[in-house]
Amino acid sequence: MPKTTNPRKTELHLYRLEPAAQMRDRDEWAASTVKETCFVWATSAQQARTMVEVETRTRQSQSQTKLPFFSPWSSSSFTTCDEVVPGAEANSHPAGMVFTETGPITEASRAQHRQEP
């Protein structure tokens, strides 16, 4: 899990990262185990992108895509990253945890996403 700033020392905001519709079929998505909307508490949009990238990274040895190997979550061409007003369900997820509408991204959920078409 990526390091985050201590929530007591800085204000965190909820960010929503969503794949751009016109980019969903690009080969670059092989670098991510998740291709659905993600949410994360972070101090900035850049930190939110980095946290989602780290938590959803595919091992390059398991990917069919060869170098250059970059995560689409880090690119504004591939994904949006907007600060959103948190709903009640978002408050149940701690800082540093990336989650989707169905729940937190975990090792088990990354494996499940890799198996889906």
PDB file of N, CA and C in Angstrom:
ATOM      1  N   MET A   1       0.843  -1.168   0.000  1.00  0.00           N
ATOM      2  CA  MET A   1       0.000   0.000   0.000  1.00  0.00           C
ATOM      3  C   MET A   1       0.894   1.240   0.000  1.00  0.00           C
ATOM      4  N   PRO A   2       0.546   2.241  -0.810  1.00  0.00           N
ATOM      5  CA  PRO A   2       1.396   3.427  -0.880  1.00  0.00           C
ATOM      6  C   PRO A   2       1.337   4.228   0.410  1.00  0.00           C
ATOM      7  N   LYS A   3       2.409   4.927   0.676  1.00  0.00           N
ATOM      8  CA  LYS A   3       2.433   5.784   1.860  1.00  0.00           C
ATOM      9  C   LYS A   3       1.542   6.987   1.606  1.00  0.00           C
ATOM     10  N   THR A   4       0.840   7.375   2.625  1.00  0.00           N
ATOM     11  CA  THR A   4       0.003   8.561   2.536  1.00  0.00           C
ATOM     12  C   THR A   4       0.397   9.518   3.638  1.00  0.00           C
ATOM     13  N   THR A   5      -0.016  10.748   3.491  1.00  0.00           N
ATOM     14  CA  THR A   5       0.234  11.753   4.511  1.00  0.00           C
ATOM     15  C   THR A   5      -0.659  11.463   5.708  1.00  0.00           C
ATOM     16  N   ASN A   6      -0.147  11.672   6.881  1.00  0.00           N
ATOM     17  CA  ASN A   6      -0.919  11.461   8.090  1.00  0.00           C
ATOM     18  C   ASN A   6      -2.203  12.289   8.023  1.00  0.00           C
ATOM     19  N   PRO A   7      -3.394  11.625   8.079  1.00  0.00           N
ATOM     20  CA  PRO A   7      -4.648  12.365   7.955  1.00  0.00           C
ATOM     21  C   PRO A   7      -4.863  13.409   9.039  1.00  0.00           C
ATOM     22  N   ARG A   8      -4.162  13.286  10.157  1.00  0.00           N
ATOM     23  CA  ARG A   8      -4.311  14.280  11.221  1.00  0.00           C
ATOM     24  C   ARG A   8      -3.565  15.572  10.899  1.00  0.00           C
ATOM     25  N   LYS A   9      -2.617  15.497   9.992  1.00  0.00           N
ATOM     26  CA  LYS A   9      -1.795  16.668   9.700  1.00  0.00           C
ATOM     27  C   LYS A   9      -2.209  17.394   8.428  1.00  0.00           C
ATOM     28  N   THR A  10      -3.058  16.807   7.623  1.00  0.00           N
ATOM     29  CA  THR A  10      -3.464  17.453   6.387  1.00  0.00           C
ATOM     30  C   THR A  10      -4.884  17.029   6.046  1.00  0.00           C
ATOM     31  N   GLU A  11      -5.537  17.839   5.292  1.00  0.00           N
ATOM     32  CA  GLU A  11      -6.919  17.555   4.930  1.00  0.00           C
ATOM     33  C   GLU A  11      -6.976  16.643   3.706  1.00  0.00           C
ATOM     34  N   LEU A  12      -7.728  15.568   3.825  1.00  0.00           N
ATOM     35  CA  LEU A  12      -7.903  14.635   2.725  1.00  0.00           C
ATOM     36  C   LEU A  12      -9.209  14.917   2.002  1.00  0.00           C
ATOM     37  N   HIS A  13      -9.208  14.656   0.714  1.00  0.00           N
ATOM     38  CA  HIS A  13     -10.394  14.826  -0.119  1.00  0.00           C
ATOM     39  C   HIS A  13     -10.661  13.508  -0.823  1.00  0.00           C
ATOM     40  N   LEU A  14     -11.910  13.268  -1.165  1.00  0.00           N
ATOM     41  CA  LEU A  14     -12.266  12.059  -1.891  1.00  0.00           C
ATOM     42  C   LEU A  14     -12.164  12.338  -3.386  1.00  0.00           C
ATOM     43  N   TYR A  15     -11.423  11.484  -4.081  1.00  0.00           N
ATOM     44  CA  TYR A  15     -11.260  11.606  -5.528  1.00  0.00           C
ATOM     45  C   TYR A  15     -11.887  10.414  -6.231  1.00  0.00           C
ATOM     46  N   ARG A  16     -12.510  10.701  -7.363  1.00  0.00           N
ATOM     47  CA  ARG A  16     -13.102   9.679  -8.220  1.00  0.00           C
ATOM     48  C   ARG A  16     -12.292   9.637  -9.508  1.00  0.00           C
ATOM     49  N   LEU A  17     -11.753   8.465  -9.823  1.00  0.00           N
ATOM     50  CA  LEU A  17     -10.993   8.271 -11.052  1.00  0.00           C
ATOM     51  C   LEU A  17     -11.792   7.345 -11.951  1.00  0.00           C
ATOM     52  N   GLU A  18     -12.002   7.783 -13.181  1.00  0.00           N
ATOM     53  CA  GLU A  18     -12.838   7.010 -14.095  1.00  0.00           C
ATOM     54  C   GLU A  18     -12.172   6.898 -15.461  1.00  0.00           C
ATOM     55  N   PRO A  19     -12.149   5.693 -16.028  1.00  0.00           N
ATOM     56  CA  PRO A  19     -11.576   5.521 -17.367  1.00  0.00           C
ATOM     57  C   PRO A  19     -12.387   6.312 -18.401  1.00  0.00           C
ATOM     58  N   ALA A  20     -11.685   6.942 -19.332  1.00  0.00           N
ATOM     59  CA  ALA A  20     -12.348   7.654 -20.428  1.00  0.00           C
ATOM     60  C   ALA A  20     -12.937   6.620 -21.385  1.00  0.00           C
ATOM     61  N   ALA A  21     -14.186   6.807 -21.757  1.00  0.00           N
ATOM     62  CA  ALA A  21     -14.899   5.835 -22.590  1.00  0.00           C
ATOM     63  C   ALA A  21     -14.143   5.520 -23.878  1.00  0.00           C
ATOM     64  N   GLN A  22     -13.594   6.529 -24.526  1.00  0.00           N
ATOM     65  CA  GLN A  22     -12.915   6.321 -25.804  1.00  0.00           C
ATOM     66  C   GLN A  22     -11.565   5.616 -25.665  1.00  0.00           C
ATOM     67  N   MET A  23     -11.084   5.440 -24.431  1.00  0.00           N
ATOM     68  CA  MET A  23      -9.776   4.808 -24.205  1.00  0.00           C
ATOM     69  C   MET A  23      -9.884   3.415 -23.581  1.00  0.00           C
ATOM     70  N   ARG A  24     -11.077   2.956 -23.288  1.00  0.00           N
ATOM     71  CA  ARG A  24     -11.258   1.679 -22.581  1.00  0.00           C
ATOM     72  C   ARG A  24     -10.710   0.466 -23.321  1.00  0.00           C
ATOM     73  N   ASP A  25     -10.634   0.516 -24.615  1.00  0.00           N
ATOM     74  CA  ASP A  25     -10.173  -0.647 -25.389  1.00  0.00           C
ATOM     75  C   ASP A  25      -8.691  -0.601 -25.746  1.00  0.00           C
ATOM     76  N   ARG A  26      -7.971   0.364 -25.233  1.00  0.00           N
ATOM     77  CA  ARG A  26      -6.551   0.506 -25.545  1.00  0.00           C
ATOM     78  C   ARG A  26      -5.718  -0.549 -24.826  1.00  0.00           C
ATOM     79  N   ASP A  27      -4.623  -0.959 -25.440  1.00  0.00           N
ATOM     80  CA  ASP A  27      -3.737  -1.974 -24.875  1.00  0.00           C
ATOM     81  C   ASP A  27      -3.120  -1.559 -23.548  1.00  0.00           C
ATOM     82  N   GLU A  28      -3.009  -0.271 -23.298  1.00  0.00           N
ATOM     83  CA  GLU A  28      -2.392   0.216 -22.068  1.00  0.00           C
ATOM     84  C   GLU A  28      -3.113  -0.282 -20.819  1.00  0.00           C
ATOM     85  N   TRP A  29      -4.379  -0.657 -20.933  1.00  0.00           N
ATOM     86  CA  TRP A  29      -5.132  -1.139 -19.782  1.00  0.00           C
ATOM     87  C   TRP A  29      -4.623  -2.487 -19.294  1.00  0.00           C
ATOM     88  N   ALA A  30      -3.775  -3.147 -20.077  1.00  0.00           N
ATOM     89  CA  ALA A  30      -3.162  -4.396 -19.611  1.00  0.00           C
ATOM     90  C   ALA A  30      -2.262  -4.134 -18.403  1.00  0.00           C
ATOM     91  N   ALA A  31      -1.880  -2.884 -18.177  1.00  0.00           N
ATOM     92  CA  ALA A  31      -1.026  -2.521 -17.046  1.00  0.00           C
ATOM     93  C   ALA A  31      -1.819  -2.367 -15.749  1.00  0.00           C
ATOM     94  N   SER A  32      -3.136  -2.536 -15.820  1.00  0.00           N
ATOM     95  CA  SER A  32      -3.980  -2.381 -14.630  1.00  0.00           C
ATOM     96  C   SER A  32      -4.869  -3.606 -14.440  1.00  0.00           C
ATOM     97  N   THR A  33      -5.051  -3.991 -13.194  1.00  0.00           N
ATOM     98  CA  THR A  33      -5.940  -5.106 -12.891  1.00  0.00           C
ATOM     99  C   THR A  33      -7.391  -4.653 -12.811  1.00  0.00           C
ATOM    100  N   VAL A  34      -7.608  -3.347 -12.781  1.00  0.00           N
ATOM    101  CA  VAL A  34      -8.948  -2.783 -12.642  1.00  0.00           C
ATOM    102  C   VAL A  34      -9.191  -1.777 -13.753  1.00  0.00           C
ATOM    103  N   LYS A  35     -10.390  -1.845 -14.341  1.00  0.00           N
ATOM    104  CA  LYS A  35     -10.752  -0.912 -15.406  1.00  0.00           C
ATOM    105  C   LYS A  35     -12.139  -0.322 -15.125  1.00  0.00           C
ATOM    106  N   GLU A  36     -12.421  -0.099 -13.841  1.00  0.00           N
ATOM    107  CA  GLU A  36     -13.690   0.502 -13.454  1.00  0.00           C
ATOM    108  C   GLU A  36     -13.413   1.716 -12.570  1.00  0.00           C
ATOM    109  N   THR A  37     -14.423   2.486 -12.312  1.00  0.00           N
ATOM    110  CA  THR A  37     -14.293   3.693 -11.506  1.00  0.00           C
ATOM    111  C   THR A  37     -13.719   3.363 -10.130  1.00  0.00           C
ATOM    112  N   CYS A  38     -12.719   4.141  -9.729  1.00  0.00           N
ATOM    113  CA  CYS A  38     -12.079   3.964  -8.417  1.00  0.00           C
ATOM    114  C   CYS A  38     -12.225   5.240  -7.596  1.00  0.00           C
ATOM    115  N   PHE A  39     -12.201   5.066  -6.280  1.00  0.00           N
ATOM    116  CA  PHE A  39     -12.268   6.178  -5.338  1.00  0.00           C
ATOM    117  C   PHE A  39     -11.112   6.044  -4.364  1.00  0.00           C
ATOM    118  N   VAL A  40     -10.601   7.179  -3.897  1.00  0.00           N
ATOM    119  CA  VAL A  40      -9.522   7.155  -2.920  1.00  0.00           C
ATOM    120  C   VAL A  40      -9.483   8.489  -2.177  1.00  0.00           C
ATOM    121  N   TRP A  41      -9.173   8.429  -0.879  1.00  0.00           N
ATOM    122  CA  TRP A  41      -8.952   9.634  -0.081  1.00  0.00           C
ATOM    123  C   TRP A  41      -7.501  10.040  -0.282  1.00  0.00           C
ATOM    124  N   ALA A  42      -7.256  11.283  -0.663  1.00  0.00           N
ATOM    125  CA  ALA A  42      -5.896  11.751  -0.921  1.00  0.00           C
ATOM    126  C   ALA A  42      -5.813  13.259  -0.684  1.00  0.00           C
ATOM    127  N   THR A  43      -4.585  13.756  -0.644  1.00  0.00           N
ATOM    128  CA  THR A  43      -4.383  15.194  -0.440  1.00  0.00           C
ATOM    129  C   THR A  43      -4.430  15.974  -1.745  1.00  0.00           C
ATOM    130  N   SER A  44      -4.282  15.281  -2.883  1.00  0.00           N
ATOM    131  CA  SER A  44      -4.289  15.947  -4.184  1.00  0.00           C
ATOM    132  C   SER A  44      -4.680  14.955  -5.271  1.00  0.00           C
ATOM    133  N   ALA A  45      -5.015  15.477  -6.432  1.00  0.00           N
ATOM    134  CA  ALA A  45      -5.349  14.611  -7.570  1.00  0.00           C
ATOM    135  C   ALA A  45      -4.132  13.778  -7.968  1.00  0.00           C
ATOM    136  N   GLN A  46      -2.953  14.353  -7.918  1.00  0.00           N
ATOM    137  CA  GLN A  46      -1.742  13.610  -8.275  1.00  0.00           C
ATOM    138  C   GLN A  46      -1.516  12.440  -7.319  1.00  0.00           C
ATOM    139  N   GLN A  47      -1.697  12.682  -6.032  1.00  0.00           N
ATOM    140  CA  GLN A  47      -1.542  11.609  -5.065  1.00  0.00           C
ATOM    141  C   GLN A  47      -2.616  10.536  -5.297  1.00  0.00           C
ATOM    142  N   ALA A  48      -3.837  10.937  -5.615  1.00  0.00           N
ATOM    143  CA  ALA A  48      -4.911   9.979  -5.893  1.00  0.00           C
ATOM    144  C   ALA A  48      -4.553   9.098  -7.089  1.00  0.00           C
ATOM    145  N   ARG A  49      -4.057   9.700  -8.159  1.00  0.00           N
ATOM    146  CA  ARG A  49      -3.650   8.933  -9.345  1.00  0.00           C
ATOM    147  C   ARG A  49      -2.545   7.930  -8.988  1.00  0.00           C
ATOM    148  N   THR A  50      -1.569   8.374  -8.234  1.00  0.00           N
ATOM    149  CA  THR A  50      -0.456   7.506  -7.849  1.00  0.00           C
ATOM    150  C   THR A  50      -0.936   6.336  -7.003  1.00  0.00           C
ATOM    151  N   MET A  51      -1.816   6.605  -6.065  1.00  0.00           N
ATOM    152  CA  MET A  51      -2.310   5.545  -5.199  1.00  0.00           C
ATOM    153  C   MET A  51      -3.099   4.502  -5.986  1.00  0.00           C
ATOM    154  N   VAL A  52      -3.952   4.942  -6.912  1.00  0.00           N
ATOM    155  CA  VAL A  52      -4.715   3.993  -7.729  1.00  0.00           C
ATOM    156  C   VAL A  52      -3.773   3.214  -8.640  1.00  0.00           C
ATOM    157  N   GLU A  53      -2.795   3.897  -9.213  1.00  0.00           N
ATOM    158  CA  GLU A  53      -1.818   3.209 -10.072  1.00  0.00           C
ATOM    159  C   GLU A  53      -1.106   2.095  -9.312  1.00  0.00           C
ATOM    160  N   VAL A  54      -0.637   2.391  -8.116  1.00  0.00           N
ATOM    161  CA  VAL A  54       0.108   1.409  -7.323  1.00  0.00           C
ATOM    162  C   VAL A  54      -0.785   0.228  -6.938  1.00  0.00           C
ATOM    163  N   GLU A  55      -1.993   0.506  -6.509  1.00  0.00           N
ATOM    164  CA  GLU A  55      -2.887  -0.548  -6.023  1.00  0.00           C
ATOM    165  C   GLU A  55      -3.463  -1.424  -7.135  1.00  0.00           C
ATOM    166  N   THR A  56      -3.441  -0.955  -8.376  1.00  0.00           N
ATOM    167  CA  THR A  56      -4.040  -1.723  -9.472  1.00  0.00           C
ATOM    168  C   THR A  56      -3.015  -2.221 -10.484  1.00  0.00           C
ATOM    169  N   ARG A  57      -1.746  -2.048 -10.177  1.00  0.00           N
ATOM    170  CA  ARG A  57      -0.679  -2.392 -11.122  1.00  0.00           C
ATOM    171  C   ARG A  57      -0.645  -3.892 -11.401  1.00  0.00           C
ATOM    172  N   THR A  58      -0.580  -4.238 -12.686  1.00  0.00           N
ATOM    173  CA  THR A  58      -0.380  -5.615 -13.123  1.00  0.00           C
ATOM    174  C   THR A  58       1.111  -5.896 -13.111  1.00  0.00           C
ATOM    175  N   ARG A  59       1.483  -7.063 -12.698  1.00  0.00           N
ATOM    176  CA  ARG A  59       2.894  -7.426 -12.808  1.00  0.00           C
ATOM    177  C   ARG A  59       3.232  -7.509 -14.289  1.00  0.00           C
ATOM    178  N   GLN A  60       4.311  -6.876 -14.683  1.00  0.00           N
ATOM    179  CA  GLN A  60       4.657  -6.835 -16.103  1.00  0.00           C
ATOM    180  C   GLN A  60       4.877  -8.236 -16.650  1.00  0.00           C
ATOM    181  N   SER A  61       5.371  -9.141 -15.832  1.00  0.00           N
ATOM    182  CA  SER A  61       5.608 -10.511 -16.292  1.00  0.00           C
ATOM    183  C   SER A  61       4.305 -11.234 -16.610  1.00  0.00           C
ATOM    184  N   GLN A  62       3.162 -10.749 -16.068  1.00  0.00           N
ATOM    185  CA  GLN A  62       1.871 -11.370 -16.327  1.00  0.00           C
ATOM    186  C   GLN A  62       1.103 -10.683 -17.447  1.00  0.00           C
ATOM    187  N   SER A  63       1.670  -9.650 -18.019  1.00  0.00           N
ATOM    188  CA  SER A  63       0.980  -8.883 -19.043  1.00  0.00           C
ATOM    189  C   SER A  63       1.466  -9.250 -20.433  1.00  0.00           C
ATOM    190  N   GLN A  64       0.555  -9.152 -21.386  1.00  0.00           N
ATOM    191  CA  GLN A  64       0.930  -9.390 -22.780  1.00  0.00           C
ATOM    192  C   GLN A  64       1.549  -8.137 -23.391  1.00  0.00           C
ATOM    193  N   THR A  65       1.322  -6.992 -22.780  1.00  0.00           N
ATOM    194  CA  THR A  65       1.869  -5.738 -23.275  1.00  0.00           C
ATOM    195  C   THR A  65       3.332  -5.625 -22.851  1.00  0.00           C
ATOM    196  N   LYS A  66       4.187  -5.293 -23.767  1.00  0.00           N
ATOM    197  CA  LYS A  66       5.611  -5.128 -23.471  1.00  0.00           C
ATOM    198  C   LYS A  66       5.928  -3.644 -23.324  1.00  0.00           C
ATOM    199  N   LEU A  67       7.170  -3.346 -22.998  1.00  0.00           N
ATOM    200  CA  LEU A  67       7.574  -1.958 -22.803  1.00  0.00           C
ATOM    201  C   LEU A  67       7.194  -1.098 -23.998  1.00  0.00           C
ATOM    202  N   PRO A  68       6.853   0.167 -23.838  1.00  0.00           N
ATOM    203  CA  PRO A  68       6.750   0.860 -22.562  1.00  0.00           C
ATOM    204  C   PRO A  68       5.504   0.404 -21.803  1.00  0.00           C
ATOM    205  N   PHE A  69       5.642   0.286 -20.513  1.00  0.00           N
ATOM    206  CA  PHE A  69       4.594  -0.245 -19.651  1.00  0.00           C
ATOM    207  C   PHE A  69       4.224   0.834 -18.654  1.00  0.00           C
ATOM    208  N   PHE A  70       3.100   1.517 -18.870  1.00  0.00           N
ATOM    209  CA  PHE A  70       2.688   2.560 -17.928  1.00  0.00           C
ATOM    210  C   PHE A  70       1.217   2.365 -17.582  1.00  0.00           C
ATOM    211  N   SER A  71       0.851   2.802 -16.421  1.00  0.00           N
ATOM    212  CA  SER A  71      -0.526   2.668 -15.974  1.00  0.00           C
ATOM    213  C   SER A  71      -1.389   3.785 -16.548  1.00  0.00           C
ATOM    214  N   PRO A  72      -2.539   3.438 -17.109  1.00  0.00           N
ATOM    215  CA  PRO A  72      -3.427   4.473 -17.629  1.00  0.00           C
ATOM    216  C   PRO A  72      -4.003   5.376 -16.537  1.00  0.00           C
ATOM    217  N   TRP A  73      -3.940   4.928 -15.281  1.00  0.00           N
ATOM    218  CA  TRP A  73      -4.459   5.745 -14.184  1.00  0.00           C
ATOM    219  C   TRP A  73      -3.636   7.019 -13.995  1.00  0.00           C
ATOM    220  N   SER A  74      -2.404   7.024 -14.452  1.00  0.00           N
ATOM    221  CA  SER A  74      -1.555   8.200 -14.277  1.00  0.00           C
ATOM    222  C   SER A  74      -1.755   9.250 -15.368  1.00  0.00           C
ATOM    223  N   SER A  75      -2.544   8.932 -16.373  1.00  0.00           N
ATOM    224  CA  SER A  75      -2.701   9.818 -17.526  1.00  0.00           C
ATOM    225  C   SER A  75      -4.091  10.445 -17.603  1.00  0.00           C
ATOM    226  N   SER A  76      -4.129  11.755 -17.771  1.00  0.00           N
ATOM    227  CA  SER A  76      -5.416  12.444 -17.931  1.00  0.00           C
ATOM    228  C   SER A  76      -6.039  12.153 -19.291  1.00  0.00           C
ATOM    229  N   SER A  77      -5.288  11.576 -20.210  1.00  0.00           N
ATOM    230  CA  SER A  77      -5.849  11.160 -21.500  1.00  0.00           C
ATOM    231  C   SER A  77      -6.678   9.886 -21.350  1.00  0.00           C
ATOM    232  N   PHE A  78      -6.318   9.058 -20.385  1.00  0.00           N
ATOM    233  CA  PHE A  78      -6.981   7.779 -20.183  1.00  0.00           C
ATOM    234  C   PHE A  78      -8.039   7.807 -19.090  1.00  0.00           C
ATOM    235  N   THR A  79      -7.865   8.666 -18.098  1.00  0.00           N
ATOM    236  CA  THR A  79      -8.782   8.701 -16.960  1.00  0.00           C
ATOM    237  C   THR A  79      -9.046  10.126 -16.489  1.00  0.00           C
ATOM    238  N   THR A  80     -10.221  10.320 -15.922  1.00  0.00           N
ATOM    239  CA  THR A  80     -10.512  11.574 -15.246  1.00  0.00           C
ATOM    240  C   THR A  80     -10.176  11.390 -13.769  1.00  0.00           C
ATOM    241  N   CYS A  81      -9.946  12.480 -13.082  1.00  0.00           N
ATOM    242  CA  CYS A  81      -9.676  12.446 -11.649  1.00  0.00           C
ATOM    243  C   CYS A  81     -10.283  13.710 -11.055  1.00  0.00           C
ATOM    244  N   ASP A  82     -11.424  13.527 -10.409  1.00  0.00           N
ATOM    245  CA  ASP A  82     -12.157  14.672  -9.890  1.00  0.00           C
ATOM    246  C   ASP A  82     -12.427  14.530  -8.399  1.00  0.00           C
ATOM    247  N   GLU A  83     -12.344  15.646  -7.704  1.00  0.00           N
ATOM    248  CA  GLU A  83     -12.720  15.646  -6.297  1.00  0.00           C
ATOM    249  C   GLU A  83     -14.243  15.566  -6.226  1.00  0.00           C
ATOM    250  N   VAL A  84     -14.749  14.713  -5.344  1.00  0.00           N
ATOM    251  CA  VAL A  84     -16.195  14.529  -5.208  1.00  0.00           C
ATOM    252  C   VAL A  84     -16.613  14.669  -3.753  1.00  0.00           C
ATOM    253  N   VAL A  85     -17.889  14.925  -3.550  1.00  0.00           N
ATOM    254  CA  VAL A  85     -18.449  14.996  -2.201  1.00  0.00           C
ATOM    255  C   VAL A  85     -18.695  13.563  -1.746  1.00  0.00           C
ATOM    256  N   PRO A  86     -18.121  13.178  -0.622  1.00  0.00           N
ATOM    257  CA  PRO A  86     -18.266  11.788  -0.179  1.00  0.00           C
ATOM    258  C   PRO A  86     -19.673  11.462   0.290  1.00  0.00           C
ATOM    259  N   GLY A  87     -20.112  10.255  -0.062  1.00  0.00           N
ATOM    260  CA  GLY A  87     -21.359   9.724   0.463  1.00  0.00           C
ATOM    261  C   GLY A  87     -21.055   8.971   1.751  1.00  0.00           C
ATOM    262  N   ALA A  88     -22.063   8.493   2.399  1.00  0.00           N
ATOM    263  CA  ALA A  88     -21.883   7.788   3.677  1.00  0.00           C
ATOM    264  C   ALA A  88     -20.991   6.565   3.532  1.00  0.00           C
ATOM    265  N   GLU A  89     -21.119   5.836   2.418  1.00  0.00           N
ATOM    266  CA  GLU A  89     -20.309   4.629   2.229  1.00  0.00           C
ATOM    267  C   GLU A  89     -18.825   4.947   2.078  1.00  0.00           C
ATOM    268  N   ALA A  90     -18.496   6.081   1.519  1.00  0.00           N
ATOM    269  CA  ALA A  90     -17.088   6.459   1.333  1.00  0.00           C
ATOM    270  C   ALA A  90     -16.408   6.691   2.676  1.00  0.00           C
ATOM    271  N   ASN A  91     -17.146   7.179   3.657  1.00  0.00           N
ATOM    272  CA  ASN A  91     -16.563   7.467   4.965  1.00  0.00           C
ATOM    273  C   ASN A  91     -16.134   6.209   5.705  1.00  0.00           C
ATOM    274  N   SER A  92     -16.616   5.048   5.263  1.00  0.00           N
ATOM    275  CA  SER A  92     -16.235   3.798   5.926  1.00  0.00           C
ATOM    276  C   SER A  92     -14.887   3.270   5.424  1.00  0.00           C
ATOM    277  N   HIS A  93     -14.333   3.882   4.387  1.00  0.00           N
ATOM    278  CA  HIS A  93     -13.046   3.446   3.846  1.00  0.00           C
ATOM    279  C   HIS A  93     -11.942   4.376   4.338  1.00  0.00           C
ATOM    280  N   PRO A  94     -10.881   3.807   4.913  1.00  0.00           N
ATOM    281  CA  PRO A  94      -9.816   4.642   5.471  1.00  0.00           C
ATOM    282  C   PRO A  94      -8.918   5.257   4.399  1.00  0.00           C
ATOM    283  N   ALA A  95      -8.202   6.282   4.800  1.00  0.00           N
ATOM    284  CA  ALA A  95      -7.209   6.891   3.912  1.00  0.00           C
ATOM    285  C   ALA A  95      -6.202   5.831   3.507  1.00  0.00           C
ATOM    286  N   GLY A  96      -5.765   5.873   2.265  1.00  0.00           N
ATOM    287  CA  GLY A  96      -4.789   4.908   1.776  1.00  0.00           C
ATOM    288  C   GLY A  96      -5.410   3.704   1.110  1.00  0.00           C
ATOM    289  N   MET A  97      -6.733   3.554   1.187  1.00  0.00           N
ATOM    290  CA  MET A  97      -7.406   2.419   0.580  1.00  0.00           C
ATOM    291  C   MET A  97      -8.090   2.862  -0.712  1.00  0.00           C
ATOM    292  N   VAL A  98      -7.812   2.145  -1.783  1.00  0.00           N
ATOM    293  CA  VAL A  98      -8.488   2.403  -3.052  1.00  0.00           C
ATOM    294  C   VAL A  98      -9.711   1.495  -3.090  1.00  0.00           C
ATOM    295  N   PHE A  99     -10.848   2.054  -3.483  1.00  0.00           N
ATOM    296  CA  PHE A  99     -12.057   1.240  -3.532  1.00  0.00           C
ATOM    297  C   PHE A  99     -12.896   1.577  -4.759  1.00  0.00           C
ATOM    298  N   THR A 100     -13.720   0.623  -5.165  1.00  0.00           N
ATOM    299  CA  THR A 100     -14.650   0.795  -6.272  1.00  0.00           C
ATOM    300  C   THR A 100     -16.054   0.837  -5.681  1.00  0.00           C
ATOM    301  N   GLU A 101     -17.056   0.908  -6.526  1.00  0.00           N
ATOM    302  CA  GLU A 101     -18.428   0.913  -6.033  1.00  0.00           C
ATOM    303  C   GLU A 101     -18.782  -0.402  -5.349  1.00  0.00           C
ATOM    304  N   THR A 102     -18.052  -1.475  -5.663  1.00  0.00           N
ATOM    305  CA  THR A 102     -18.340  -2.776  -5.060  1.00  0.00           C
ATOM    306  C   THR A 102     -17.484  -3.071  -3.833  1.00  0.00           C
ATOM    307  N   GLY A 103     -16.529  -2.215  -3.509  1.00  0.00           N
ATOM    308  CA  GLY A 103     -15.729  -2.424  -2.315  1.00  0.00           C
ATOM    309  C   GLY A 103     -14.263  -2.122  -2.522  1.00  0.00           C
ATOM    310  N   PRO A 104     -13.448  -2.407  -1.506  1.00  0.00           N
ATOM    311  CA  PRO A 104     -12.016  -2.084  -1.567  1.00  0.00           C
ATOM    312  C   PRO A 104     -11.254  -2.964  -2.553  1.00  0.00           C
ATOM    313  N   ILE A 105     -10.182  -2.408  -3.100  1.00  0.00           N
ATOM    314  CA  ILE A 105      -9.282  -3.163  -3.961  1.00  0.00           C
ATOM    315  C   ILE A 105      -8.351  -3.934  -3.037  1.00  0.00           C
ATOM    316  N   THR A 106      -8.382  -5.237  -3.138  1.00  0.00           N
ATOM    317  CA  THR A 106      -7.518  -6.112  -2.340  1.00  0.00           C
ATOM    318  C   THR A 106      -6.815  -7.066  -3.283  1.00  0.00           C
ATOM    319  N   GLU A 107      -5.906  -7.856  -2.770  1.00  0.00           N
ATOM    320  CA  GLU A 107      -5.214  -8.847  -3.602  1.00  0.00           C
ATOM    321  C   GLU A 107      -6.226  -9.785  -4.250  1.00  0.00           C
ATOM    322  N   ALA A 108      -7.238 -10.214  -3.495  1.00  0.00           N
ATOM    323  CA  ALA A 108      -8.254 -11.120  -4.028  1.00  0.00           C
ATOM    324  C   ALA A 108      -9.076 -10.450  -5.129  1.00  0.00           C
ATOM    325  N   SER A 109      -9.429  -9.178  -4.934  1.00  0.00           N
ATOM    326  CA  SER A 109     -10.226  -8.505  -5.961  1.00  0.00           C
ATOM    327  C   SER A 109      -9.399  -8.225  -7.204  1.00  0.00           C
ATOM    328  N   ARG A 110      -8.083  -7.978  -7.048  1.00  0.00           N
ATOM    329  CA  ARG A 110      -7.223  -7.782  -8.223  1.00  0.00           C
ATOM    330  C   ARG A 110      -7.164  -9.065  -9.041  1.00  0.00           C
ATOM    331  N   ALA A 111      -7.069 -10.212  -8.378  1.00  0.00           N
ATOM    332  CA  ALA A 111      -7.041 -11.490  -9.079  1.00  0.00           C
ATOM    333  C   ALA A 111      -8.352 -11.723  -9.815  1.00  0.00           C
ATOM    334  N   GLN A 112      -9.476 -11.366  -9.189  1.00  0.00           N
ATOM    335  CA  GLN A 112     -10.774 -11.550  -9.819  1.00  0.00           C
ATOM    336  C   GLN A 112     -10.889 -10.667 -11.058  1.00  0.00           C
ATOM    337  N   HIS A 113     -10.453  -9.418 -10.982  1.00  0.00           N
ATOM    338  CA  HIS A 113     -10.522  -8.506 -12.129  1.00  0.00           C
ATOM    339  C   HIS A 113      -9.665  -9.020 -13.283  1.00  0.00           C
ATOM    340  N   ARG A 114      -8.515  -9.624 -12.971  1.00  0.00           N
ATOM    341  CA  ARG A 114      -7.639 -10.133 -14.031  1.00  0.00           C
ATOM    342  C   ARG A 114      -8.318 -11.266 -14.796  1.00  0.00           C
ATOM    343  N   GLN A 115      -9.163 -12.050 -14.140  1.00  0.00           N
ATOM    344  CA  GLN A 115      -9.804 -13.189 -14.772  1.00  0.00           C
ATOM    345  C   GLN A 115     -11.013 -12.795 -15.609  1.00  0.00           C
ATOM    346  N   GLU A 116     -11.587 -11.628 -15.370  1.00  0.00           N
ATOM    347  CA  GLU A 116     -12.755 -11.187 -16.120  1.00  0.00           C
ATOM    348  C   GLU A 116     -12.328 -10.766 -17.509  1.00  0.00           C
ATOM    349  N   PRO A 117     -13.224 -10.976 -18.519  1.00  0.00           N
ATOM    350  CA  PRO A 117     -12.876 -10.608 -19.906  1.00  0.00           C
ATOM    351  C   PRO A 117     -12.745  -9.126 -20.105  1.00  0.00           C
TER     352      PRO A 117
END
